[in-house]
């Protein structure tokens, strides 16, 4: 186990840079903090460069064994250095430096996928993280992150995903270029709106139809140009005195509605 005690240590300087989006993008690395996310990262098969353990952590031996098993460099640091890397108020004392995964070519999903989530300018880290978690639960094949969307590998996003980010491919794309390409590959693109849209209960999806659901910015919704590029826009009926739902809640309702229709038709044909 390596011991690092100075902020001037080159390795610590590298870790510190990963607390910024620019640093993460340049290095192709990001920090994962806390026991649950660290366990998810270890189980995911993503490449892990370093394990960082605070000297005041109460289970160093258990994690050092995991580092040895996975052939990960294990580093011990004083609590004050660990706290400089941590984003949480009461850090658990365990963190990983993870290499960003190389996902399959996007074209594979255009040909073989069944359900995609398109994300337009989601800026709240908690919302984006919950979208990842919801998408994974709903059986989405991949998430397409449009311009203006917050960094999916930022600490708050990662914590909100509860580890889902390690099990769901994602791509940072230009949605204005992607949507025409989806149409060329026979995808049906369904947007979300609160006004110029049909009630979701009128939406009909067939079993083998390839569907991409487009959700938009928390305040502005889907960009007007993108809305005009969809095949159909849908809205969720409001039965109480509210105008709209949180974007991650709305996405969950619609994704499960789409999957419900696909599976209902599939089961109906098998009877």
C-alpha atoms as a PDB file:
ATOM      1  CA  UNK A   1       0.000   0.000   0.000  1.00  0.00           C
ATOM      2  CA  UNK A   2       1.337   3.432  -0.976  1.00  0.00           C
ATOM      3  CA  UNK A   3       1.259   6.292   1.531  1.00  0.00           C
ATOM      4  CA  UNK A   4       0.727   9.833   0.277  1.00  0.00           C
ATOM      5  CA  UNK A   5       1.058  12.651   2.805  1.00  0.00           C
ATOM      6  CA  UNK A   6       1.623  15.821   0.785  1.00  0.00           C
ATOM      7  CA  UNK A   7      -0.553  17.953  -1.481  1.00  0.00           C
ATOM      8  CA  UNK A   8       2.529  18.340  -3.647  1.00  0.00           C
ATOM      9  CA  UNK A   9       2.605  14.642  -4.460  1.00  0.00           C
ATOM     10  CA  UNK A  10       2.134  14.291  -8.251  1.00  0.00           C
ATOM     11  CA  UNK A  11      -0.472  11.577  -7.844  1.00  0.00           C
ATOM     12  CA  UNK A  12      -2.513  13.658  -5.415  1.00  0.00           C
ATOM     13  CA  UNK A  13      -2.340  16.594  -7.828  1.00  0.00           C
ATOM     14  CA  UNK A  14      -3.768  14.342 -10.550  1.00  0.00           C
ATOM     15  CA  UNK A  15      -6.621  13.269  -8.265  1.00  0.00           C
ATOM     16  CA  UNK A  16      -7.356  16.867  -7.303  1.00  0.00           C
ATOM     17  CA  UNK A  17      -7.797  17.828 -10.962  1.00  0.00           C
ATOM     18  CA  UNK A  18     -10.549  15.213 -11.230  1.00  0.00           C
ATOM     19  CA  UNK A  19     -12.775  17.338  -8.993  1.00  0.00           C
ATOM     20  CA  UNK A  20     -13.381  19.602 -12.030  1.00  0.00           C
ATOM     21  CA  UNK A  21     -15.143  18.806 -15.298  1.00  0.00           C
ATOM     22  CA  UNK A  22     -12.168  20.058 -17.309  1.00  0.00           C
ATOM     23  CA  UNK A  23      -9.805  17.820 -15.366  1.00  0.00           C
ATOM     24  CA  UNK A  24     -12.026  14.769 -15.850  1.00  0.00           C
ATOM     25  CA  UNK A  25     -12.328  15.364 -19.585  1.00  0.00           C
ATOM     26  CA  UNK A  26      -8.594  15.847 -20.067  1.00  0.00           C
ATOM     27  CA  UNK A  27      -7.592  12.772 -18.086  1.00  0.00           C
ATOM     28  CA  UNK A  28     -10.431  10.467 -19.107  1.00  0.00           C
ATOM     29  CA  UNK A  29     -10.712   9.648 -15.402  1.00  0.00           C
ATOM     30  CA  UNK A  30     -13.165  10.459 -12.618  1.00  0.00           C
ATOM     31  CA  UNK A  31     -13.540  10.029  -8.868  1.00  0.00           C
ATOM     32  CA  UNK A  32     -16.016   7.686  -7.209  1.00  0.00           C
ATOM     33  CA  UNK A  33     -16.617   8.305  -3.515  1.00  0.00           C
ATOM     34  CA  UNK A  34     -18.269   6.139  -0.866  1.00  0.00           C
ATOM     35  CA  UNK A  35     -18.690   2.423  -0.228  1.00  0.00           C
ATOM     36  CA  UNK A  36     -21.787   1.783  -2.351  1.00  0.00           C
ATOM     37  CA  UNK A  37     -20.513   3.496  -5.499  1.00  0.00           C
ATOM     38  CA  UNK A  38     -17.080   1.933  -5.047  1.00  0.00           C
ATOM     39  CA  UNK A  39     -18.675  -1.520  -4.837  1.00  0.00           C
ATOM     40  CA  UNK A  40     -20.736  -0.811  -7.960  1.00  0.00           C
ATOM     41  CA  UNK A  41     -17.632   0.337  -9.824  1.00  0.00           C
ATOM     42  CA  UNK A  42     -15.704  -2.789  -8.816  1.00  0.00           C
ATOM     43  CA  UNK A  43     -18.571  -5.015  -9.944  1.00  0.00           C
ATOM     44  CA  UNK A  44     -19.047  -3.200 -13.256  1.00  0.00           C
ATOM     45  CA  UNK A  45     -15.812  -4.186 -14.942  1.00  0.00           C
ATOM     46  CA  UNK A  46     -14.788  -0.576 -15.574  1.00  0.00           C
ATOM     47  CA  UNK A  47     -11.027  -0.033 -15.321  1.00  0.00           C
ATOM     48  CA  UNK A  48      -9.976   1.297 -11.913  1.00  0.00           C
ATOM     49  CA  UNK A  49      -6.637   3.066 -11.633  1.00  0.00           C
ATOM     50  CA  UNK A  50      -6.329   3.895  -7.928  1.00  0.00           C
ATOM     51  CA  UNK A  51      -8.035   3.111  -4.640  1.00  0.00           C
ATOM     52  CA  UNK A  52      -7.787   5.933  -2.081  1.00  0.00           C
ATOM     53  CA  UNK A  53      -8.289   5.125   1.599  1.00  0.00           C
ATOM     54  CA  UNK A  54      -8.373   7.686   4.399  1.00  0.00           C
ATOM     55  CA  UNK A  55      -6.223   6.861   7.420  1.00  0.00           C
ATOM     56  CA  UNK A  56      -9.265   7.207   9.689  1.00  0.00           C
ATOM     57  CA  UNK A  57     -11.357   4.717   7.667  1.00  0.00           C
ATOM     58  CA  UNK A  58     -12.482   1.791   9.826  1.00  0.00           C
ATOM     59  CA  UNK A  59     -12.291  -0.981   7.181  1.00  0.00           C
ATOM     60  CA  UNK A  60      -8.977  -0.488   5.360  1.00  0.00           C
ATOM     61  CA  UNK A  61      -8.035  -4.175   5.323  1.00  0.00           C
ATOM     62  CA  UNK A  62     -11.234  -5.260   3.581  1.00  0.00           C
ATOM     63  CA  UNK A  63     -10.743  -2.735   0.777  1.00  0.00           C
ATOM     64  CA  UNK A  64      -7.014  -3.365   0.514  1.00  0.00           C
ATOM     65  CA  UNK A  65      -7.858  -7.022  -0.164  1.00  0.00           C
ATOM     66  CA  UNK A  66     -10.303  -5.933  -2.870  1.00  0.00           C
ATOM     67  CA  UNK A  67      -7.602  -3.751  -4.410  1.00  0.00           C
ATOM     68  CA  UNK A  68      -5.190  -6.674  -4.415  1.00  0.00           C
ATOM     69  CA  UNK A  69      -7.796  -8.980  -5.966  1.00  0.00           C
ATOM     70  CA  UNK A  70      -8.549  -6.525  -8.778  1.00  0.00           C
ATOM     71  CA  UNK A  71      -4.899  -5.470  -9.171  1.00  0.00           C
ATOM     72  CA  UNK A  72      -5.606  -1.860  -8.246  1.00  0.00           C
ATOM     73  CA  UNK A  73      -2.982   0.465  -6.806  1.00  0.00           C
ATOM     74  CA  UNK A  74      -4.014   1.181  -3.194  1.00  0.00           C
ATOM     75  CA  UNK A  75      -3.063   4.500  -1.590  1.00  0.00           C
ATOM     76  CA  UNK A  76      -3.472   5.639   2.022  1.00  0.00           C
ATOM     77  CA  UNK A  77      -3.854   9.377   2.704  1.00  0.00           C
ATOM     78  CA  UNK A  78      -4.392  11.513   5.828  1.00  0.00           C
ATOM     79  CA  UNK A  79      -8.018  12.599   6.483  1.00  0.00           C
ATOM     80  CA  UNK A  80      -7.328  16.228   5.525  1.00  0.00           C
ATOM     81  CA  UNK A  81      -6.096  15.190   2.065  1.00  0.00           C
ATOM     82  CA  UNK A  82      -9.008  12.809   1.587  1.00  0.00           C
ATOM     83  CA  UNK A  83     -11.450  15.576   2.502  1.00  0.00           C
ATOM     84  CA  UNK A  84      -9.993  17.758  -0.251  1.00  0.00           C
ATOM     85  CA  UNK A  85     -11.079  15.154  -2.787  1.00  0.00           C
ATOM     86  CA  UNK A  86     -14.446  14.365  -1.215  1.00  0.00           C
ATOM     87  CA  UNK A  87     -17.648  16.231  -2.086  1.00  0.00           C
ATOM     88  CA  UNK A  88     -19.806  14.847   0.708  1.00  0.00           C
ATOM     89  CA  UNK A  89     -19.986  16.543   4.099  1.00  0.00           C
ATOM     90  CA  UNK A  90     -19.145  13.367   6.015  1.00  0.00           C
ATOM     91  CA  UNK A  91     -17.050  11.227   3.639  1.00  0.00           C
ATOM     92  CA  UNK A  92     -16.850   7.503   4.289  1.00  0.00           C
ATOM     93  CA  UNK A  93     -13.106   7.359   3.699  1.00  0.00           C
ATOM     94  CA  UNK A  94     -13.008   5.270   0.518  1.00  0.00           C
ATOM     95  CA  UNK A  95     -12.708   6.500  -3.082  1.00  0.00           C
ATOM     96  CA  UNK A  96     -11.699   5.147  -6.477  1.00  0.00           C
ATOM     97  CA  UNK A  97     -10.130   6.715  -9.534  1.00  0.00           C
ATOM     98  CA  UNK A  98     -11.977   5.180 -12.479  1.00  0.00           C
ATOM     99  CA  UNK A  99     -11.191   5.273 -16.188  1.00  0.00           C
ATOM    100  CA  UNK A 100     -14.081   6.290 -18.387  1.00  0.00           C
ATOM    101  CA  UNK A 101     -15.483   3.263 -20.225  1.00  0.00           C
ATOM    102  CA  UNK A 102     -15.251   2.842 -23.979  1.00  0.00           C
ATOM    103  CA  UNK A 103     -18.764   1.968 -25.096  1.00  0.00           C
ATOM    104  CA  UNK A 104     -19.686   0.170 -28.339  1.00  0.00           C
ATOM    105  CA  UNK A 105     -20.040   2.289 -31.456  1.00  0.00           C
ATOM    106  CA  UNK A 106     -23.252   4.315 -31.404  1.00  0.00           C
ATOM    107  CA  UNK A 107     -24.286   2.746 -34.699  1.00  0.00           C
ATOM    108  CA  UNK A 108     -24.783  -0.594 -32.928  1.00  0.00           C
ATOM    109  CA  UNK A 109     -27.671   0.864 -30.943  1.00  0.00           C
ATOM    110  CA  UNK A 110     -29.181   2.498 -34.005  1.00  0.00           C
ATOM    111  CA  UNK A 111     -29.408  -0.927 -35.646  1.00  0.00           C
ATOM    112  CA  UNK A 112     -30.101  -3.262 -32.713  1.00  0.00           C
ATOM    113  CA  UNK A 113     -31.589  -1.159 -29.908  1.00  0.00           C
ATOM    114  CA  UNK A 114     -35.240  -1.033 -28.860  1.00  0.00           C
ATOM    115  CA  UNK A 115     -35.503   1.894 -26.421  1.00  0.00           C
ATOM    116  CA  UNK A 116     -33.331   4.993 -26.045  1.00  0.00           C
ATOM    117  CA  UNK A 117     -33.539   8.004 -23.745  1.00  0.00           C
ATOM    118  CA  UNK A 118     -32.574  11.346 -25.297  1.00  0.00           C
ATOM    119  CA  UNK A 119     -31.697  14.080 -22.796  1.00  0.00           C
ATOM    120  CA  UNK A 120     -31.830  17.735 -23.857  1.00  0.00           C
ATOM    121  CA  UNK A 121     -29.957  20.201 -21.624  1.00  0.00           C
ATOM    122  CA  UNK A 122     -30.698  18.687 -18.214  1.00  0.00           C
ATOM    123  CA  UNK A 123     -28.670  20.852 -15.844  1.00  0.00           C
ATOM    124  CA  UNK A 124     -29.512  19.605 -12.364  1.00  0.00           C
ATOM    125  CA  UNK A 125     -27.118  16.811 -11.290  1.00  0.00           C
ATOM    126  CA  UNK A 126     -29.761  15.141  -9.133  1.00  0.00           C
ATOM    127  CA  UNK A 127     -32.221  15.028 -12.019  1.00  0.00           C
ATOM    128  CA  UNK A 128     -29.667  13.567 -14.421  1.00  0.00           C
ATOM    129  CA  UNK A 129     -28.619  10.944 -11.904  1.00  0.00           C
ATOM    130  CA  UNK A 130     -32.213   9.922 -11.277  1.00  0.00           C
ATOM    131  CA  UNK A 131     -32.808   9.739 -15.036  1.00  0.00           C
ATOM    132  CA  UNK A 132     -29.954   7.231 -15.320  1.00  0.00           C
ATOM    133  CA  UNK A 133     -31.339   5.132 -12.485  1.00  0.00           C
ATOM    134  CA  UNK A 134     -34.863   5.220 -13.918  1.00  0.00           C
ATOM    135  CA  UNK A 135     -33.656   4.439 -17.435  1.00  0.00           C
ATOM    136  CA  UNK A 136     -31.722   1.396 -16.241  1.00  0.00           C
ATOM    137  CA  UNK A 137     -34.731   0.116 -14.306  1.00  0.00           C
ATOM    138  CA  UNK A 138     -36.997   0.633 -17.331  1.00  0.00           C
ATOM    139  CA  UNK A 139     -34.754  -1.350 -19.675  1.00  0.00           C
ATOM    140  CA  UNK A 140     -33.378   1.531 -21.743  1.00  0.00           C
ATOM    141  CA  UNK A 141     -30.538   0.424 -24.028  1.00  0.00           C
ATOM    142  CA  UNK A 142     -28.527   3.662 -23.872  1.00  0.00           C
ATOM    143  CA  UNK A 143     -28.788   7.323 -22.884  1.00  0.00           C
ATOM    144  CA  UNK A 144     -27.993  10.113 -25.342  1.00  0.00           C
ATOM    145  CA  UNK A 145     -26.868  13.323 -23.638  1.00  0.00           C
ATOM    146  CA  UNK A 146     -27.442  16.446 -25.697  1.00  0.00           C
ATOM    147  CA  UNK A 147     -25.517  19.708 -25.547  1.00  0.00           C
ATOM    148  CA  UNK A 148     -25.973  21.693 -22.356  1.00  0.00           C
ATOM    149  CA  UNK A 149     -26.483  18.591 -20.212  1.00  0.00           C
ATOM    150  CA  UNK A 150     -24.474  18.483 -16.998  1.00  0.00           C
ATOM    151  CA  UNK A 151     -21.423  16.220 -16.709  1.00  0.00           C
ATOM    152  CA  UNK A 152     -22.626  12.631 -16.112  1.00  0.00           C
ATOM    153  CA  UNK A 153     -19.416  11.833 -14.212  1.00  0.00           C
ATOM    154  CA  UNK A 154     -19.661  14.662 -11.686  1.00  0.00           C
ATOM    155  CA  UNK A 155     -19.845  13.487  -8.091  1.00  0.00           C
ATOM    156  CA  UNK A 156     -23.434  14.541  -7.378  1.00  0.00           C
ATOM    157  CA  UNK A 157     -24.666  12.892 -10.581  1.00  0.00           C
ATOM    158  CA  UNK A 158     -22.844   9.666  -9.736  1.00  0.00           C
ATOM    159  CA  UNK A 159     -24.340   9.579  -6.247  1.00  0.00           C
ATOM    160  CA  UNK A 160     -27.827  10.194  -7.630  1.00  0.00           C
ATOM    161  CA  UNK A 161     -27.460   7.306 -10.080  1.00  0.00           C
ATOM    162  CA  UNK A 162     -26.800   4.925  -7.160  1.00  0.00           C
ATOM    163  CA  UNK A 163     -24.364   3.141  -9.475  1.00  0.00           C
ATOM    164  CA  UNK A 164     -26.659   2.915 -12.515  1.00  0.00           C
ATOM    165  CA  UNK A 165     -24.149   4.891 -14.576  1.00  0.00           C
ATOM    166  CA  UNK A 166     -21.820   1.869 -14.472  1.00  0.00           C
ATOM    167  CA  UNK A 167     -24.391  -0.392 -16.108  1.00  0.00           C
ATOM    168  CA  UNK A 168     -25.918   1.813 -18.824  1.00  0.00           C
ATOM    169  CA  UNK A 169     -24.042   3.068 -21.902  1.00  0.00           C
ATOM    170  CA  UNK A 170     -24.225   6.817 -22.493  1.00  0.00           C
ATOM    171  CA  UNK A 171     -23.088   9.093 -25.301  1.00  0.00           C
ATOM    172  CA  UNK A 172     -22.629  12.855 -25.510  1.00  0.00           C
ATOM    173  CA  UNK A 173     -24.198  13.843 -28.812  1.00  0.00           C
ATOM    174  CA  UNK A 174     -25.680  16.619 -30.921  1.00  0.00           C
ATOM    175  CA  UNK A 175     -29.391  15.780 -30.799  1.00  0.00           C
ATOM    176  CA  UNK A 176     -30.126  17.893 -33.870  1.00  0.00           C
ATOM    177  CA  UNK A 177     -27.858  15.575 -35.861  1.00  0.00           C
ATOM    178  CA  UNK A 178     -28.849  12.389 -34.052  1.00  0.00           C
ATOM    179  CA  UNK A 179     -32.630  12.607 -34.499  1.00  0.00           C
ATOM    180  CA  UNK A 180     -32.515  12.593 -38.339  1.00  0.00           C
ATOM    181  CA  UNK A 181     -30.135   9.634 -38.108  1.00  0.00           C
ATOM    182  CA  UNK A 182     -32.593   7.827 -35.826  1.00  0.00           C
ATOM    183  CA  UNK A 183     -35.330   8.389 -38.401  1.00  0.00           C
ATOM    184  CA  UNK A 184     -33.100   6.912 -41.098  1.00  0.00           C
ATOM    185  CA  UNK A 185     -32.793   3.773 -38.944  1.00  0.00           C
ATOM    186  CA  UNK A 186     -36.580   3.541 -38.471  1.00  0.00           C
ATOM    187  CA  UNK A 187     -36.700   4.874 -34.921  1.00  0.00           C
ATOM    188  CA  UNK A 188     -39.836   6.580 -33.669  1.00  0.00           C
ATOM    189  CA  UNK A 189     -38.866   9.699 -31.723  1.00  0.00           C
ATOM    190  CA  UNK A 190     -41.367  10.750 -29.062  1.00  0.00           C
ATOM    191  CA  UNK A 191     -40.954  14.127 -27.386  1.00  0.00           C
ATOM    192  CA  UNK A 192     -42.432  15.527 -24.201  1.00  0.00           C
ATOM    193  CA  UNK A 193     -44.428  18.737 -23.855  1.00  0.00           C
ATOM    194  CA  UNK A 194     -47.068  20.188 -21.558  1.00  0.00           C
ATOM    195  CA  UNK A 195     -49.100  21.948 -24.261  1.00  0.00           C
ATOM    196  CA  UNK A 196     -48.841  20.971 -27.925  1.00  0.00           C
ATOM    197  CA  UNK A 197     -48.997  17.222 -27.400  1.00  0.00           C
ATOM    198  CA  UNK A 198     -51.366  14.280 -27.190  1.00  0.00           C
ATOM    199  CA  UNK A 199     -52.346  12.662 -23.911  1.00  0.00           C
ATOM    200  CA  UNK A 200     -49.954   9.788 -23.156  1.00  0.00           C
ATOM    201  CA  UNK A 201     -52.985   7.487 -22.881  1.00  0.00           C
ATOM    202  CA  UNK A 202     -53.501   7.961 -26.621  1.00  0.00           C
ATOM    203  CA  UNK A 203     -49.966   6.822 -27.388  1.00  0.00           C
ATOM    204  CA  UNK A 204     -49.759   3.431 -29.045  1.00  0.00           C
ATOM    205  CA  UNK A 205     -46.475   1.528 -29.343  1.00  0.00           C
ATOM    206  CA  UNK A 206     -46.022  -1.839 -31.008  1.00  0.00           C
ATOM    207  CA  UNK A 207     -43.825  -4.636 -29.693  1.00  0.00           C
ATOM    208  CA  UNK A 208     -41.031  -4.388 -32.271  1.00  0.00           C
ATOM    209  CA  UNK A 209     -41.066  -0.614 -32.682  1.00  0.00           C
ATOM    210  CA  UNK A 210     -37.793   1.157 -31.911  1.00  0.00           C
ATOM    211  CA  UNK A 211     -38.620   4.119 -29.673  1.00  0.00           C
ATOM    212  CA  UNK A 212     -36.500   7.074 -28.524  1.00  0.00           C
ATOM    213  CA  UNK A 213     -38.009   9.196 -25.751  1.00  0.00           C
ATOM    214  CA  UNK A 214     -36.843  12.824 -25.688  1.00  0.00           C
ATOM    215  CA  UNK A 215     -36.983  14.786 -22.416  1.00  0.00           C
ATOM    216  CA  UNK A 216     -35.975  18.403 -21.954  1.00  0.00           C
ATOM    217  CA  UNK A 217     -34.545  21.075 -19.731  1.00  0.00           C
ATOM    218  CA  UNK A 218     -36.106  21.524 -16.289  1.00  0.00           C
ATOM    219  CA  UNK A 219     -37.239  25.113 -16.937  1.00  0.00           C
ATOM    220  CA  UNK A 220     -37.639  25.362 -20.717  1.00  0.00           C
ATOM    221  CA  UNK A 221     -38.521  21.808 -21.685  1.00  0.00           C
ATOM    222  CA  UNK A 222     -37.446  20.335 -25.001  1.00  0.00           C
ATOM    223  CA  UNK A 223     -35.884  22.868 -27.379  1.00  0.00           C
ATOM    224  CA  UNK A 224     -38.501  24.089 -29.921  1.00  0.00           C
ATOM    225  CA  UNK A 225     -36.378  22.980 -32.878  1.00  0.00           C
ATOM    226  CA  UNK A 226     -36.062  19.468 -31.439  1.00  0.00           C
ATOM    227  CA  UNK A 227     -39.797  19.308 -30.739  1.00  0.00           C
ATOM    228  CA  UNK A 228     -40.459  19.947 -34.405  1.00  0.00           C
ATOM    229  CA  UNK A 229     -38.156  17.051 -35.316  1.00  0.00           C
ATOM    230  CA  UNK A 230     -40.050  14.424 -33.311  1.00  0.00           C
ATOM    231  CA  UNK A 231     -42.633  12.036 -34.733  1.00  0.00           C
ATOM    232  CA  UNK A 232     -45.011  12.809 -31.902  1.00  0.00           C
ATOM    233  CA  UNK A 233     -45.090  14.807 -28.671  1.00  0.00           C
ATOM    234  CA  UNK A 234     -46.916  13.543 -25.597  1.00  0.00           C
ATOM    235  CA  UNK A 235     -47.996  14.967 -22.254  1.00  0.00           C
ATOM    236  CA  UNK A 236     -48.860  13.391 -18.925  1.00  0.00           C
ATOM    237  CA  UNK A 237     -52.345  14.307 -17.658  1.00  0.00           C
ATOM    238  CA  UNK A 238     -52.399  16.350 -14.448  1.00  0.00           C
ATOM    239  CA  UNK A 239     -55.261  15.451 -12.113  1.00  0.00           C
ATOM    240  CA  UNK A 240     -54.230  17.877  -9.366  1.00  0.00           C
ATOM    241  CA  UNK A 241     -53.395  21.568  -9.309  1.00  0.00           C
ATOM    242  CA  UNK A 242     -49.903  21.360 -10.797  1.00  0.00           C
ATOM    243  CA  UNK A 243     -48.702  22.315 -14.254  1.00  0.00           C
ATOM    244  CA  UNK A 244     -45.983  19.719 -14.724  1.00  0.00           C
ATOM    245  CA  UNK A 245     -43.855  17.020 -13.114  1.00  0.00           C
ATOM    246  CA  UNK A 246     -40.160  16.803 -12.340  1.00  0.00           C
ATOM    247  CA  UNK A 247     -38.350  15.662 -15.494  1.00  0.00           C
ATOM    248  CA  UNK A 248     -37.087  12.419 -13.977  1.00  0.00           C
ATOM    249  CA  UNK A 249     -40.563  11.548 -12.662  1.00  0.00           C
ATOM    250  CA  UNK A 250     -42.113  12.297 -16.055  1.00  0.00           C
ATOM    251  CA  UNK A 251     -39.473  10.231 -17.852  1.00  0.00           C
ATOM    252  CA  UNK A 252     -40.131   7.290 -15.539  1.00  0.00           C
ATOM    253  CA  UNK A 253     -43.872   7.377 -16.170  1.00  0.00           C
ATOM    254  CA  UNK A 254     -43.433   7.539 -19.937  1.00  0.00           C
ATOM    255  CA  UNK A 255     -40.691   4.922 -20.163  1.00  0.00           C
ATOM    256  CA  UNK A 256     -42.774   2.432 -18.199  1.00  0.00           C
ATOM    257  CA  UNK A 257     -45.848   3.318 -20.260  1.00  0.00           C
ATOM    258  CA  UNK A 258     -43.905   2.579 -23.454  1.00  0.00           C
ATOM    259  CA  UNK A 259     -42.462  -0.658 -22.081  1.00  0.00           C
ATOM    260  CA  UNK A 260     -45.870  -1.659 -20.743  1.00  0.00           C
ATOM    261  CA  UNK A 261     -47.381  -1.344 -24.207  1.00  0.00           C
ATOM    262  CA  UNK A 262     -44.537  -3.264 -25.819  1.00  0.00           C
ATOM    263  CA  UNK A 263     -44.791  -6.143 -23.335  1.00  0.00           C
ATOM    264  CA  UNK A 264     -48.585  -6.174 -23.319  1.00  0.00           C
ATOM    265  CA  UNK A 265     -48.646  -6.638 -27.086  1.00  0.00           C
ATOM    266  CA  UNK A 266     -45.893  -9.243 -26.879  1.00  0.00           C
ATOM    267  CA  UNK A 267     -47.797 -11.223 -24.228  1.00  0.00           C
ATOM    268  CA  UNK A 268     -51.038 -10.818 -26.123  1.00  0.00           C
ATOM    269  CA  UNK A 269     -49.527 -12.346 -29.253  1.00  0.00           C
ATOM    270  CA  UNK A 270     -48.204 -15.336 -27.306  1.00  0.00           C
ATOM    271  CA  UNK A 271     -51.613 -16.280 -25.907  1.00  0.00           C
END
